[in-house]
N, C-alpha and C. Protein backbone atom coordinates (compact mmCIF):
# COMPACT_ATOMS: atom_id res chain seq x y z
N UNK A 1 -30.38 41.28 -33.86
CA UNK A 1 -31.02 40.14 -33.20
C UNK A 1 -30.36 38.84 -33.63
N UNK A 2 -30.06 38.75 -34.93
CA UNK A 2 -29.42 37.55 -35.44
C UNK A 2 -28.02 37.40 -34.84
N UNK A 3 -27.27 38.54 -34.73
CA UNK A 3 -25.93 38.49 -34.15
C UNK A 3 -25.97 38.02 -32.71
N UNK A 4 -26.95 38.50 -31.95
CA UNK A 4 -27.07 38.09 -30.54
C UNK A 4 -27.35 36.60 -30.44
N UNK A 5 -28.26 36.10 -31.29
CA UNK A 5 -28.60 34.67 -31.27
C UNK A 5 -27.39 33.83 -31.63
N UNK A 6 -26.60 34.31 -32.59
CA UNK A 6 -25.41 33.57 -33.00
C UNK A 6 -24.39 33.52 -31.86
N UNK A 7 -24.18 34.67 -31.18
CA UNK A 7 -23.24 34.70 -30.05
C UNK A 7 -23.68 33.78 -28.94
N UNK A 8 -24.98 33.76 -28.67
CA UNK A 8 -25.52 32.89 -27.63
C UNK A 8 -25.31 31.43 -27.98
N UNK A 9 -25.50 31.09 -29.26
CA UNK A 9 -25.30 29.71 -29.72
C UNK A 9 -23.85 29.30 -29.59
N UNK A 10 -22.95 30.19 -29.98
CA UNK A 10 -21.52 29.89 -29.90
C UNK A 10 -21.08 29.74 -28.45
N UNK A 11 -21.63 30.60 -27.57
CA UNK A 11 -21.28 30.52 -26.15
C UNK A 11 -21.74 29.19 -25.56
N UNK A 12 -22.96 28.76 -25.91
CA UNK A 12 -23.48 27.49 -25.42
C UNK A 12 -22.65 26.33 -25.94
N UNK A 13 -22.22 26.43 -27.20
CA UNK A 13 -21.40 25.37 -27.79
C UNK A 13 -20.05 25.28 -27.09
N UNK A 14 -19.46 26.44 -26.73
CA UNK A 14 -18.18 26.44 -26.04
C UNK A 14 -18.28 25.79 -24.66
N UNK A 15 -19.36 26.13 -23.91
CA UNK A 15 -19.57 25.53 -22.60
C UNK A 15 -19.74 24.03 -22.71
N UNK A 16 -20.51 23.58 -23.71
CA UNK A 16 -20.74 22.15 -23.91
C UNK A 16 -19.42 21.45 -24.25
N UNK A 17 -18.60 22.09 -25.09
CA UNK A 17 -17.32 21.49 -25.48
C UNK A 17 -16.40 21.33 -24.28
N UNK A 18 -16.36 22.37 -23.39
CA UNK A 18 -15.54 22.28 -22.20
C UNK A 18 -16.02 21.18 -21.27
N UNK A 19 -17.36 21.03 -21.17
CA UNK A 19 -17.92 19.99 -20.31
C UNK A 19 -17.53 18.62 -20.82
N UNK A 20 -17.64 18.41 -22.14
CA UNK A 20 -17.27 17.13 -22.73
C UNK A 20 -15.79 16.86 -22.52
N UNK A 21 -14.95 17.91 -22.67
CA UNK A 21 -13.51 17.75 -22.48
C UNK A 21 -13.19 17.31 -21.07
N UNK A 22 -13.89 17.89 -20.08
CA UNK A 22 -13.66 17.51 -18.69
C UNK A 22 -14.01 16.05 -18.45
N UNK A 23 -15.11 15.58 -19.06
CA UNK A 23 -15.49 14.17 -18.93
C UNK A 23 -14.42 13.28 -19.55
N UNK A 24 -13.96 13.64 -20.76
CA UNK A 24 -12.96 12.84 -21.43
C UNK A 24 -11.66 12.80 -20.65
N UNK A 25 -11.35 13.87 -19.93
CA UNK A 25 -10.08 13.98 -19.22
C UNK A 25 -10.05 13.21 -17.91
N UNK A 26 -11.15 12.54 -17.56
CA UNK A 26 -11.18 11.78 -16.33
C UNK A 26 -10.11 10.70 -16.31
N UNK A 27 -9.60 10.29 -17.48
CA UNK A 27 -8.57 9.27 -17.54
C UNK A 27 -7.17 9.80 -17.32
N UNK A 28 -7.02 11.12 -17.09
CA UNK A 28 -5.71 11.70 -16.87
C UNK A 28 -5.12 11.14 -15.58
N UNK A 29 -4.00 10.42 -15.69
CA UNK A 29 -3.41 9.78 -14.52
C UNK A 29 -2.12 10.42 -14.06
N UNK A 30 -1.64 11.43 -14.82
CA UNK A 30 -0.36 12.03 -14.49
C UNK A 30 -0.51 13.49 -14.07
N UNK A 31 0.43 13.92 -13.26
CA UNK A 31 0.54 15.34 -12.94
C UNK A 31 1.31 15.99 -14.06
N UNK A 32 0.79 17.09 -14.59
CA UNK A 32 1.35 17.72 -15.77
C UNK A 32 1.72 19.17 -15.50
N UNK A 33 2.55 19.72 -16.36
CA UNK A 33 2.92 21.12 -16.24
C UNK A 33 1.68 21.99 -16.42
N UNK A 34 1.48 22.97 -15.56
CA UNK A 34 0.30 23.82 -15.61
C UNK A 34 -0.82 23.33 -14.72
N UNK A 35 -0.67 22.14 -14.13
CA UNK A 35 -1.69 21.65 -13.20
C UNK A 35 -1.69 22.49 -11.93
N UNK A 36 -2.87 22.62 -11.32
CA UNK A 36 -3.02 23.30 -10.04
C UNK A 36 -3.55 22.28 -9.04
N UNK A 37 -2.84 22.09 -7.94
CA UNK A 37 -3.20 20.98 -7.06
C UNK A 37 -2.87 21.28 -5.61
N UNK A 38 -3.34 20.38 -4.76
CA UNK A 38 -2.96 20.39 -3.35
C UNK A 38 -2.09 19.17 -3.08
N UNK A 39 -1.09 19.35 -2.23
CA UNK A 39 -0.22 18.25 -1.81
C UNK A 39 -0.48 17.96 -0.34
N UNK A 40 -0.68 16.68 -0.01
CA UNK A 40 -0.92 16.28 1.36
C UNK A 40 0.24 15.45 1.88
N UNK A 41 0.71 15.79 3.08
CA UNK A 41 1.77 15.00 3.70
C UNK A 41 1.20 13.65 4.14
N UNK A 42 1.83 12.58 3.69
CA UNK A 42 1.30 11.23 3.94
C UNK A 42 1.29 10.90 5.42
N UNK A 43 2.32 11.32 6.14
CA UNK A 43 2.46 10.95 7.54
C UNK A 43 1.51 11.72 8.45
N UNK A 44 1.35 13.02 8.20
CA UNK A 44 0.56 13.87 9.09
C UNK A 44 -0.81 14.25 8.53
N UNK A 45 -1.08 13.91 7.28
CA UNK A 45 -2.38 14.20 6.66
C UNK A 45 -2.74 15.69 6.70
N UNK A 46 -1.75 16.53 6.46
CA UNK A 46 -2.00 17.97 6.34
C UNK A 46 -1.61 18.42 4.94
N UNK A 47 -2.32 19.43 4.45
CA UNK A 47 -2.08 19.95 3.11
C UNK A 47 -1.07 21.10 3.14
N UNK A 48 -0.17 21.10 2.17
CA UNK A 48 0.81 22.17 2.04
C UNK A 48 0.08 23.49 1.80
N UNK A 49 0.42 24.49 2.59
CA UNK A 49 -0.42 25.68 2.69
C UNK A 49 0.44 26.93 2.83
N UNK A 50 -0.05 28.07 2.33
CA UNK A 50 0.59 29.34 2.61
C UNK A 50 -0.47 30.43 2.68
N UNK A 51 -0.05 31.62 3.07
CA UNK A 51 -0.98 32.73 3.33
C UNK A 51 -0.14 33.98 3.54
N UNK A 52 -0.76 35.13 3.59
CA UNK A 52 -0.01 36.38 3.76
C UNK A 52 0.30 36.63 5.24
N UNK A 53 0.97 35.67 5.83
CA UNK A 53 1.47 35.79 7.20
C UNK A 53 2.97 35.53 7.15
N UNK A 54 3.77 36.48 7.62
CA UNK A 54 5.23 36.35 7.56
C UNK A 54 5.77 35.74 8.85
N UNK A 55 6.91 35.05 8.71
CA UNK A 55 7.58 34.53 9.90
C UNK A 55 8.04 35.69 10.77
N UNK A 56 7.88 35.52 12.09
CA UNK A 56 8.34 36.55 13.02
C UNK A 56 9.82 36.43 13.32
N UNK A 57 10.42 35.30 12.92
CA UNK A 57 11.85 35.08 13.10
C UNK A 57 12.43 34.61 11.77
N UNK A 58 13.69 34.25 11.79
CA UNK A 58 14.31 33.69 10.59
C UNK A 58 14.35 34.69 9.44
N UNK A 59 13.90 34.26 8.28
CA UNK A 59 13.96 35.09 7.07
C UNK A 59 12.95 36.22 7.06
N UNK A 60 11.86 36.08 7.81
CA UNK A 60 10.78 37.06 7.75
C UNK A 60 9.96 36.98 6.48
N UNK A 61 10.18 35.93 5.70
CA UNK A 61 9.42 35.75 4.45
C UNK A 61 8.05 35.14 4.74
N UNK A 62 7.24 35.02 3.69
CA UNK A 62 5.89 34.48 3.84
C UNK A 62 5.95 33.03 4.34
N UNK A 63 5.16 32.73 5.35
CA UNK A 63 5.22 31.42 5.97
C UNK A 63 4.52 30.34 5.14
N UNK A 64 5.01 29.12 5.29
CA UNK A 64 4.42 27.93 4.69
C UNK A 64 4.13 26.96 5.81
N UNK A 65 2.92 26.41 5.83
CA UNK A 65 2.50 25.53 6.91
C UNK A 65 1.77 24.31 6.35
N UNK A 66 1.30 23.47 7.25
CA UNK A 66 0.43 22.35 6.88
C UNK A 66 -0.90 22.53 7.55
N UNK A 67 -2.00 22.41 6.79
CA UNK A 67 -3.33 22.56 7.36
C UNK A 67 -4.16 21.30 7.14
N UNK A 68 -5.03 21.01 8.10
CA UNK A 68 -5.92 19.85 7.95
C UNK A 68 -7.29 20.24 7.43
N UNK A 69 -7.45 21.52 7.02
CA UNK A 69 -8.73 21.98 6.47
C UNK A 69 -8.75 21.70 4.98
N UNK A 70 -9.58 20.80 4.55
CA UNK A 70 -9.63 20.38 3.15
C UNK A 70 -10.07 21.49 2.22
N UNK A 71 -11.00 22.33 2.65
CA UNK A 71 -11.63 23.31 1.77
C UNK A 71 -10.84 24.61 1.62
N UNK A 72 -9.71 24.75 2.29
CA UNK A 72 -8.99 26.02 2.27
C UNK A 72 -8.38 26.29 0.90
N UNK A 73 -8.77 27.41 0.28
CA UNK A 73 -8.29 27.76 -1.06
C UNK A 73 -6.85 28.21 -1.09
N UNK A 74 -6.23 28.46 0.08
CA UNK A 74 -4.84 28.88 0.13
C UNK A 74 -3.87 27.69 0.11
N UNK A 75 -4.38 26.52 -0.25
CA UNK A 75 -3.52 25.34 -0.32
C UNK A 75 -3.28 24.87 -1.75
N UNK A 76 -3.64 25.70 -2.74
CA UNK A 76 -3.43 25.33 -4.14
C UNK A 76 -2.08 25.84 -4.64
N UNK A 77 -1.41 24.98 -5.42
CA UNK A 77 -0.09 25.28 -5.98
C UNK A 77 -0.07 24.97 -7.47
N UNK A 78 0.51 25.88 -8.24
CA UNK A 78 0.66 25.72 -9.69
C UNK A 78 2.01 25.06 -9.98
N UNK A 79 2.00 23.99 -10.79
CA UNK A 79 3.23 23.31 -11.16
C UNK A 79 3.82 23.98 -12.40
N UNK A 80 5.08 24.41 -12.29
CA UNK A 80 5.75 25.04 -13.42
C UNK A 80 7.22 24.62 -13.47
N UNK A 81 7.93 25.03 -14.52
CA UNK A 81 9.30 24.61 -14.72
C UNK A 81 10.25 25.32 -13.76
N UNK A 82 11.47 24.81 -13.68
CA UNK A 82 12.48 25.42 -12.83
C UNK A 82 12.82 26.83 -13.30
N UNK A 83 13.53 27.56 -12.46
CA UNK A 83 13.88 28.95 -12.75
C UNK A 83 14.56 29.08 -14.11
N UNK A 84 14.08 30.02 -14.91
CA UNK A 84 14.70 30.30 -16.20
C UNK A 84 14.29 29.38 -17.32
N UNK A 85 13.39 28.44 -17.04
CA UNK A 85 12.96 27.51 -18.08
C UNK A 85 11.44 27.53 -18.22
N UNK A 86 10.97 26.95 -19.31
CA UNK A 86 9.53 26.90 -19.61
C UNK A 86 9.14 25.46 -19.88
N UNK A 87 7.99 25.06 -19.37
CA UNK A 87 7.50 23.72 -19.70
C UNK A 87 6.18 23.84 -20.46
N UNK A 88 5.91 22.88 -21.29
CA UNK A 88 4.72 22.88 -22.12
C UNK A 88 3.51 22.47 -21.28
N UNK A 89 2.47 23.30 -21.29
CA UNK A 89 1.25 22.98 -20.52
C UNK A 89 0.71 21.63 -20.97
N UNK A 90 0.42 20.78 -20.01
CA UNK A 90 -0.11 19.46 -20.31
C UNK A 90 0.95 18.38 -20.44
N UNK A 91 2.23 18.76 -20.41
CA UNK A 91 3.29 17.76 -20.52
C UNK A 91 3.49 17.08 -19.17
N UNK A 92 3.43 15.73 -19.12
CA UNK A 92 3.63 15.03 -17.84
C UNK A 92 4.99 15.35 -17.23
N UNK A 93 5.02 15.48 -15.90
CA UNK A 93 6.26 15.73 -15.18
C UNK A 93 6.98 14.40 -14.97
N UNK A 94 8.24 14.35 -15.34
CA UNK A 94 9.03 13.13 -15.18
C UNK A 94 9.67 13.09 -13.80
N UNK A 95 9.85 11.88 -13.28
CA UNK A 95 10.62 11.73 -12.05
C UNK A 95 12.03 12.26 -12.28
N UNK A 96 12.54 13.02 -11.33
CA UNK A 96 13.83 13.71 -11.36
C UNK A 96 13.80 15.00 -12.20
N UNK A 97 12.64 15.39 -12.70
CA UNK A 97 12.51 16.74 -13.25
C UNK A 97 12.63 17.76 -12.13
N UNK A 98 13.14 18.94 -12.46
CA UNK A 98 13.20 20.04 -11.50
C UNK A 98 12.04 20.99 -11.80
N UNK A 99 11.25 21.28 -10.78
CA UNK A 99 10.04 22.07 -10.94
C UNK A 99 10.00 23.19 -9.90
N UNK A 100 9.04 24.10 -10.06
CA UNK A 100 8.70 25.08 -9.03
C UNK A 100 7.21 24.93 -8.72
N UNK A 101 6.83 25.30 -7.51
CA UNK A 101 5.43 25.30 -7.10
C UNK A 101 5.05 26.72 -6.72
N UNK A 102 4.14 27.32 -7.48
CA UNK A 102 3.71 28.70 -7.23
C UNK A 102 2.41 28.72 -6.45
N UNK A 103 2.41 29.40 -5.32
CA UNK A 103 1.21 29.54 -4.51
C UNK A 103 0.20 30.39 -5.29
N UNK A 104 -0.95 29.83 -5.59
CA UNK A 104 -1.86 30.49 -6.53
C UNK A 104 -2.46 31.78 -5.99
N UNK A 105 -2.59 31.90 -4.68
CA UNK A 105 -3.20 33.10 -4.11
C UNK A 105 -2.24 34.28 -4.08
N UNK A 106 -0.99 34.05 -3.68
CA UNK A 106 -0.04 35.14 -3.48
C UNK A 106 1.02 35.23 -4.58
N UNK A 107 1.06 34.24 -5.49
CA UNK A 107 2.01 34.21 -6.61
C UNK A 107 3.46 34.00 -6.17
N UNK A 108 3.69 33.62 -4.93
CA UNK A 108 5.05 33.35 -4.47
C UNK A 108 5.36 31.85 -4.59
N UNK A 109 6.64 31.54 -4.74
CA UNK A 109 7.06 30.16 -4.96
C UNK A 109 7.47 29.46 -3.67
N UNK A 110 7.20 28.16 -3.61
CA UNK A 110 7.70 27.34 -2.51
C UNK A 110 9.23 27.43 -2.52
N UNK A 111 9.82 27.72 -1.36
CA UNK A 111 11.22 28.14 -1.30
C UNK A 111 11.87 27.58 -0.04
N UNK A 112 13.17 27.37 -0.10
CA UNK A 112 13.92 27.06 1.11
C UNK A 112 15.33 27.63 1.00
N UNK A 113 16.04 27.65 2.14
CA UNK A 113 17.36 28.27 2.23
C UNK A 113 17.97 27.89 3.57
N UNK A 114 19.20 28.27 3.79
CA UNK A 114 19.90 27.89 5.01
C UNK A 114 19.54 28.83 6.16
N UNK A 115 18.29 28.74 6.59
CA UNK A 115 17.76 29.51 7.71
C UNK A 115 17.02 28.53 8.62
N UNK A 116 17.16 28.67 9.92
CA UNK A 116 16.51 27.76 10.86
C UNK A 116 15.00 28.02 10.93
N UNK A 117 14.24 26.94 11.00
CA UNK A 117 12.78 27.06 11.11
C UNK A 117 12.41 27.47 12.53
N UNK A 118 11.25 28.11 12.72
CA UNK A 118 10.92 28.73 14.01
C UNK A 118 10.62 27.78 15.16
N UNK A 119 10.09 26.60 14.91
CA UNK A 119 9.68 25.72 15.99
C UNK A 119 10.67 24.59 16.28
N UNK A 120 11.13 23.92 15.24
CA UNK A 120 11.98 22.75 15.44
C UNK A 120 13.47 23.03 15.23
N UNK A 121 13.79 24.19 14.66
CA UNK A 121 15.18 24.50 14.38
C UNK A 121 15.74 23.75 13.19
N UNK A 122 14.85 23.13 12.40
CA UNK A 122 15.29 22.48 11.16
C UNK A 122 15.44 23.57 10.09
N UNK A 123 15.42 23.19 8.81
CA UNK A 123 15.59 24.20 7.75
C UNK A 123 14.25 24.82 7.38
N UNK A 124 14.22 26.14 7.35
CA UNK A 124 12.98 26.88 7.08
C UNK A 124 12.50 26.67 5.64
N UNK A 125 11.19 26.58 5.47
CA UNK A 125 10.52 26.59 4.17
C UNK A 125 9.62 27.82 4.14
N UNK A 126 9.70 28.58 3.07
CA UNK A 126 8.92 29.81 2.97
C UNK A 126 8.30 29.91 1.59
N UNK A 127 7.57 31.00 1.35
CA UNK A 127 7.08 31.33 0.01
C UNK A 127 7.76 32.63 -0.38
N UNK A 128 8.33 32.65 -1.59
CA UNK A 128 9.22 33.75 -1.96
C UNK A 128 9.05 34.12 -3.43
N UNK A 129 9.26 35.39 -3.75
CA UNK A 129 9.20 35.84 -5.14
C UNK A 129 8.37 37.10 -5.29
N UNK A 130 8.28 37.57 -6.53
CA UNK A 130 7.53 38.79 -6.80
C UNK A 130 6.12 38.47 -7.29
N UNK A 131 5.38 39.51 -7.71
CA UNK A 131 3.98 39.34 -8.11
C UNK A 131 3.84 38.57 -9.43
N UNK A 132 4.96 38.36 -10.14
CA UNK A 132 4.92 37.60 -11.39
C UNK A 132 5.31 36.13 -11.18
N UNK A 133 5.54 35.74 -9.93
CA UNK A 133 5.95 34.38 -9.66
C UNK A 133 7.42 34.12 -9.91
N UNK A 134 8.24 35.18 -9.89
CA UNK A 134 9.67 35.04 -10.12
C UNK A 134 10.43 35.20 -8.81
N UNK A 135 11.29 34.22 -8.51
CA UNK A 135 12.10 34.28 -7.30
C UNK A 135 13.56 34.04 -7.64
N UNK A 136 14.13 32.94 -7.09
CA UNK A 136 15.51 32.61 -7.40
C UNK A 136 15.69 31.09 -7.38
N UNK A 137 16.93 30.62 -7.39
CA UNK A 137 17.18 29.17 -7.48
C UNK A 137 16.73 28.43 -6.23
N UNK A 138 16.49 29.15 -5.14
CA UNK A 138 15.96 28.51 -3.94
C UNK A 138 14.53 28.03 -4.08
N UNK A 139 13.92 28.33 -5.25
CA UNK A 139 12.55 27.87 -5.54
C UNK A 139 12.53 26.54 -6.30
N UNK A 140 13.70 25.99 -6.62
CA UNK A 140 13.76 24.78 -7.45
C UNK A 140 13.73 23.52 -6.61
N UNK A 141 12.88 22.58 -7.03
CA UNK A 141 12.71 21.30 -6.32
C UNK A 141 12.77 20.15 -7.32
N UNK A 142 13.51 19.11 -6.97
CA UNK A 142 13.57 17.91 -7.83
C UNK A 142 12.50 16.92 -7.37
N UNK A 143 11.73 16.44 -8.33
CA UNK A 143 10.70 15.44 -8.04
C UNK A 143 11.33 14.07 -7.88
N UNK A 144 11.11 13.43 -6.75
CA UNK A 144 11.60 12.08 -6.50
C UNK A 144 10.41 11.13 -6.46
N UNK A 145 10.35 10.20 -7.40
CA UNK A 145 9.25 9.24 -7.43
C UNK A 145 9.74 7.92 -8.02
N UNK A 146 8.89 6.89 -7.97
CA UNK A 146 9.31 5.53 -8.31
C UNK A 146 9.08 5.16 -9.77
N UNK A 147 8.24 5.91 -10.47
CA UNK A 147 7.92 5.56 -11.86
C UNK A 147 8.65 6.51 -12.81
N UNK A 148 8.41 6.35 -14.09
CA UNK A 148 9.02 7.26 -15.07
C UNK A 148 8.38 8.63 -15.01
N UNK A 149 7.06 8.65 -14.76
CA UNK A 149 6.30 9.90 -14.72
C UNK A 149 5.60 10.06 -13.38
N UNK A 150 5.28 11.31 -13.02
CA UNK A 150 4.57 11.59 -11.77
C UNK A 150 3.11 11.19 -11.93
N UNK A 151 2.73 10.09 -11.31
CA UNK A 151 1.35 9.64 -11.33
C UNK A 151 0.60 10.23 -10.15
N UNK A 152 -0.68 10.53 -10.38
CA UNK A 152 -1.45 11.28 -9.38
C UNK A 152 -1.57 10.56 -8.04
N UNK A 153 -1.50 9.25 -8.03
CA UNK A 153 -1.64 8.51 -6.78
C UNK A 153 -0.30 8.22 -6.11
N UNK A 154 0.81 8.65 -6.74
CA UNK A 154 2.13 8.37 -6.19
C UNK A 154 2.37 9.08 -4.86
N UNK A 155 3.13 8.42 -3.99
CA UNK A 155 3.74 9.09 -2.85
C UNK A 155 5.10 9.58 -3.34
N UNK A 156 5.27 10.89 -3.36
CA UNK A 156 6.49 11.47 -3.93
C UNK A 156 7.26 12.24 -2.85
N UNK A 157 8.50 12.61 -3.20
CA UNK A 157 9.30 13.48 -2.35
C UNK A 157 9.76 14.66 -3.20
N UNK A 158 9.99 15.79 -2.55
CA UNK A 158 10.51 16.97 -3.23
C UNK A 158 11.85 17.33 -2.60
N UNK A 159 12.91 17.21 -3.41
CA UNK A 159 14.27 17.48 -2.95
C UNK A 159 14.66 18.91 -3.33
N UNK A 160 15.03 19.70 -2.33
CA UNK A 160 15.43 21.07 -2.58
C UNK A 160 16.79 21.08 -3.25
N UNK A 161 16.85 21.65 -4.45
CA UNK A 161 18.05 21.53 -5.28
C UNK A 161 19.25 22.23 -4.65
N UNK A 162 19.07 23.44 -4.14
CA UNK A 162 20.21 24.20 -3.61
C UNK A 162 20.82 23.57 -2.37
N UNK A 163 19.99 23.01 -1.48
CA UNK A 163 20.50 22.55 -0.18
C UNK A 163 20.47 21.04 -0.01
N UNK A 164 19.95 20.30 -1.00
CA UNK A 164 19.93 18.82 -0.97
C UNK A 164 19.13 18.28 0.21
N UNK A 165 18.07 18.99 0.60
CA UNK A 165 17.20 18.55 1.68
C UNK A 165 15.82 18.22 1.12
N UNK A 166 14.91 17.73 1.98
CA UNK A 166 13.63 17.21 1.51
C UNK A 166 12.46 17.88 2.22
N UNK A 167 11.46 18.27 1.45
CA UNK A 167 10.27 18.92 2.00
C UNK A 167 9.58 17.97 2.98
N UNK A 168 9.25 18.47 4.17
CA UNK A 168 8.70 17.61 5.21
C UNK A 168 7.83 18.43 6.17
N UNK A 169 7.24 17.74 7.13
CA UNK A 169 6.46 18.35 8.21
C UNK A 169 7.11 17.93 9.52
N UNK A 170 7.32 18.87 10.43
CA UNK A 170 8.01 18.55 11.68
C UNK A 170 7.10 17.90 12.71
N UNK A 171 5.79 18.14 12.60
CA UNK A 171 4.86 17.65 13.61
C UNK A 171 4.57 18.66 14.70
N UNK A 172 5.32 19.76 14.72
CA UNK A 172 5.11 20.80 15.72
C UNK A 172 4.03 21.77 15.23
N UNK A 173 3.24 22.30 16.16
CA UNK A 173 2.06 23.10 15.82
C UNK A 173 2.21 24.54 16.27
N UNK A 174 1.79 25.46 15.39
CA UNK A 174 1.87 26.89 15.68
C UNK A 174 0.72 27.33 16.59
N UNK A 175 0.96 28.43 17.31
CA UNK A 175 -0.08 29.14 18.03
C UNK A 175 -0.56 30.30 17.17
N UNK A 176 -1.05 31.36 17.80
CA UNK A 176 -1.56 32.54 17.08
C UNK A 176 -0.44 33.16 16.25
N UNK A 177 -0.74 33.70 15.06
CA UNK A 177 -2.09 33.86 14.46
C UNK A 177 -2.51 32.70 13.56
N UNK A 178 -1.74 31.60 13.57
CA UNK A 178 -2.07 30.47 12.69
C UNK A 178 -2.26 29.22 13.56
N UNK A 179 -3.15 29.32 14.52
CA UNK A 179 -3.40 28.25 15.48
C UNK A 179 -3.70 26.92 14.80
N UNK A 180 -3.03 25.88 15.25
CA UNK A 180 -3.33 24.52 14.79
C UNK A 180 -2.63 24.11 13.52
N UNK A 181 -2.01 25.05 12.83
CA UNK A 181 -1.29 24.68 11.61
C UNK A 181 0.10 24.15 11.96
N UNK A 182 0.57 23.20 11.14
CA UNK A 182 1.84 22.52 11.43
C UNK A 182 3.01 23.18 10.72
N UNK A 183 4.17 23.04 11.31
CA UNK A 183 5.40 23.57 10.75
C UNK A 183 5.86 22.72 9.57
N UNK A 184 6.09 23.36 8.43
CA UNK A 184 6.68 22.72 7.26
C UNK A 184 8.16 23.08 7.22
N UNK A 185 8.99 22.06 6.99
CA UNK A 185 10.45 22.24 7.06
C UNK A 185 11.11 21.49 5.91
N UNK A 186 12.43 21.55 5.88
CA UNK A 186 13.21 20.64 5.06
C UNK A 186 14.01 19.72 5.97
N UNK A 187 13.92 18.42 5.71
CA UNK A 187 14.67 17.40 6.45
C UNK A 187 15.95 17.08 5.70
N UNK A 188 16.99 16.72 6.44
CA UNK A 188 18.27 16.40 5.82
C UNK A 188 18.31 14.97 5.28
N UNK A 189 17.47 14.08 5.81
CA UNK A 189 17.48 12.69 5.38
C UNK A 189 16.23 12.36 4.58
N UNK A 190 16.41 11.69 3.44
CA UNK A 190 15.27 11.26 2.64
C UNK A 190 14.54 10.08 3.28
N UNK A 191 15.15 9.46 4.29
CA UNK A 191 14.54 8.31 4.96
C UNK A 191 13.53 8.70 6.02
N UNK A 192 13.42 9.99 6.30
CA UNK A 192 12.43 10.44 7.28
C UNK A 192 11.03 10.07 6.80
N UNK A 193 10.17 9.55 7.69
CA UNK A 193 8.80 9.19 7.28
C UNK A 193 7.94 10.41 6.98
N UNK A 194 8.44 11.61 7.29
CA UNK A 194 7.64 12.83 7.13
C UNK A 194 7.87 13.52 5.78
N UNK A 195 8.62 12.89 4.88
CA UNK A 195 8.99 13.55 3.62
C UNK A 195 8.14 13.10 2.43
N UNK A 196 7.14 12.26 2.65
CA UNK A 196 6.32 11.78 1.54
C UNK A 196 5.05 12.63 1.40
N UNK A 197 4.72 12.92 0.14
CA UNK A 197 3.55 13.74 -0.20
C UNK A 197 2.76 13.07 -1.32
N UNK A 198 1.47 13.35 -1.35
CA UNK A 198 0.63 12.84 -2.44
C UNK A 198 -0.34 13.92 -2.89
N UNK A 199 -0.74 13.88 -4.16
CA UNK A 199 -1.69 14.86 -4.66
C UNK A 199 -3.10 14.52 -4.18
N UNK A 200 -3.84 15.56 -3.85
CA UNK A 200 -5.25 15.35 -3.48
C UNK A 200 -6.11 16.20 -4.41
N UNK A 201 -6.83 17.19 -3.90
CA UNK A 201 -7.69 17.99 -4.79
C UNK A 201 -6.85 18.75 -5.81
N UNK A 202 -7.43 18.94 -7.01
CA UNK A 202 -6.70 19.74 -7.99
C UNK A 202 -7.34 19.75 -9.36
N UNK A 203 -6.75 20.54 -10.23
CA UNK A 203 -7.14 20.62 -11.63
C UNK A 203 -5.93 20.26 -12.47
N UNK A 204 -6.07 19.23 -13.31
CA UNK A 204 -4.93 18.68 -14.04
C UNK A 204 -5.10 18.93 -15.53
N UNK A 205 -4.10 19.56 -16.13
CA UNK A 205 -4.12 19.82 -17.56
C UNK A 205 -3.82 18.51 -18.27
N UNK A 206 -4.69 18.14 -19.22
CA UNK A 206 -4.55 16.86 -19.90
C UNK A 206 -3.37 16.90 -20.86
N UNK A 207 -2.58 15.81 -20.96
CA UNK A 207 -1.48 15.75 -21.94
C UNK A 207 -2.02 15.95 -23.35
N UNK A 208 -1.31 16.75 -24.14
CA UNK A 208 -1.76 17.08 -25.49
C UNK A 208 -1.22 16.08 -26.49
N UNK A 209 -1.71 14.85 -26.40
CA UNK A 209 -1.18 13.79 -27.25
C UNK A 209 -1.59 13.96 -28.71
N UNK A 210 -2.77 14.52 -28.95
CA UNK A 210 -3.31 14.52 -30.30
C UNK A 210 -3.49 15.91 -30.88
N UNK A 211 -3.70 16.90 -30.04
CA UNK A 211 -3.98 18.23 -30.55
C UNK A 211 -3.37 19.26 -29.62
N UNK A 212 -2.28 19.88 -30.02
CA UNK A 212 -1.54 20.80 -29.16
C UNK A 212 -2.31 22.08 -28.88
N UNK A 213 -3.42 22.30 -29.59
CA UNK A 213 -4.17 23.54 -29.42
C UNK A 213 -5.24 23.45 -28.36
N UNK A 214 -5.52 22.24 -27.83
CA UNK A 214 -6.61 22.10 -26.88
C UNK A 214 -6.06 21.56 -25.56
N UNK A 215 -6.59 22.06 -24.48
CA UNK A 215 -6.21 21.62 -23.14
C UNK A 215 -7.47 21.09 -22.44
N UNK A 216 -7.28 20.00 -21.74
CA UNK A 216 -8.41 19.43 -21.03
C UNK A 216 -8.05 19.35 -19.56
N UNK A 217 -9.05 19.50 -18.70
CA UNK A 217 -8.80 19.57 -17.27
C UNK A 217 -9.66 18.51 -16.57
N UNK A 218 -9.19 18.11 -15.40
CA UNK A 218 -9.96 17.19 -14.59
C UNK A 218 -9.74 17.50 -13.13
N UNK A 219 -10.73 17.22 -12.33
CA UNK A 219 -10.59 17.37 -10.89
C UNK A 219 -10.67 16.02 -10.25
N UNK A 220 -9.89 15.85 -9.16
CA UNK A 220 -9.98 14.61 -8.39
C UNK A 220 -11.33 14.53 -7.69
């Protein structure tokens, strides 16, 4: 009986500690390694999205689209280091860092390659990799932003490292089986108005400035 009471007390204390940590982390202003978030295209107001639907043309890989449904859980992406490297959870992402974005539902990485996209004939963007989130160098993206660090309110660009193109939305809309979702592509010019993205909903790992053993999270 005493052991059960002690476990219950410790469990309650852990929940309270996590709650306090979340409140304290409200001041987190940067996107950090290990954060899980949604990216919204500034021009078209659609969230970067994927699902277990493959392209019927091109690479035949898992499709990536833009959706205007805010609540869709298939629009979350995990921020991690480039292929073959590791980043410290909670470490702010610097502008010009190379990162990967792992689709949290299917474990595949945001990917591009020299394949034509199905609607506009631009460069295809897909989700690629195995069940462990491992793909290839086509999963690497350079963060382009105006400050030293990726701030949560920044309008940023993602430059595909292998092909020197920029993640964008074409404005063209799919029919069945993904009715109403927009085509996500890579643009060749960084000056395109469709290449800007901003973070919206998400969970952000707090920078470990004082204690490397504790992680704090916050939601927008």
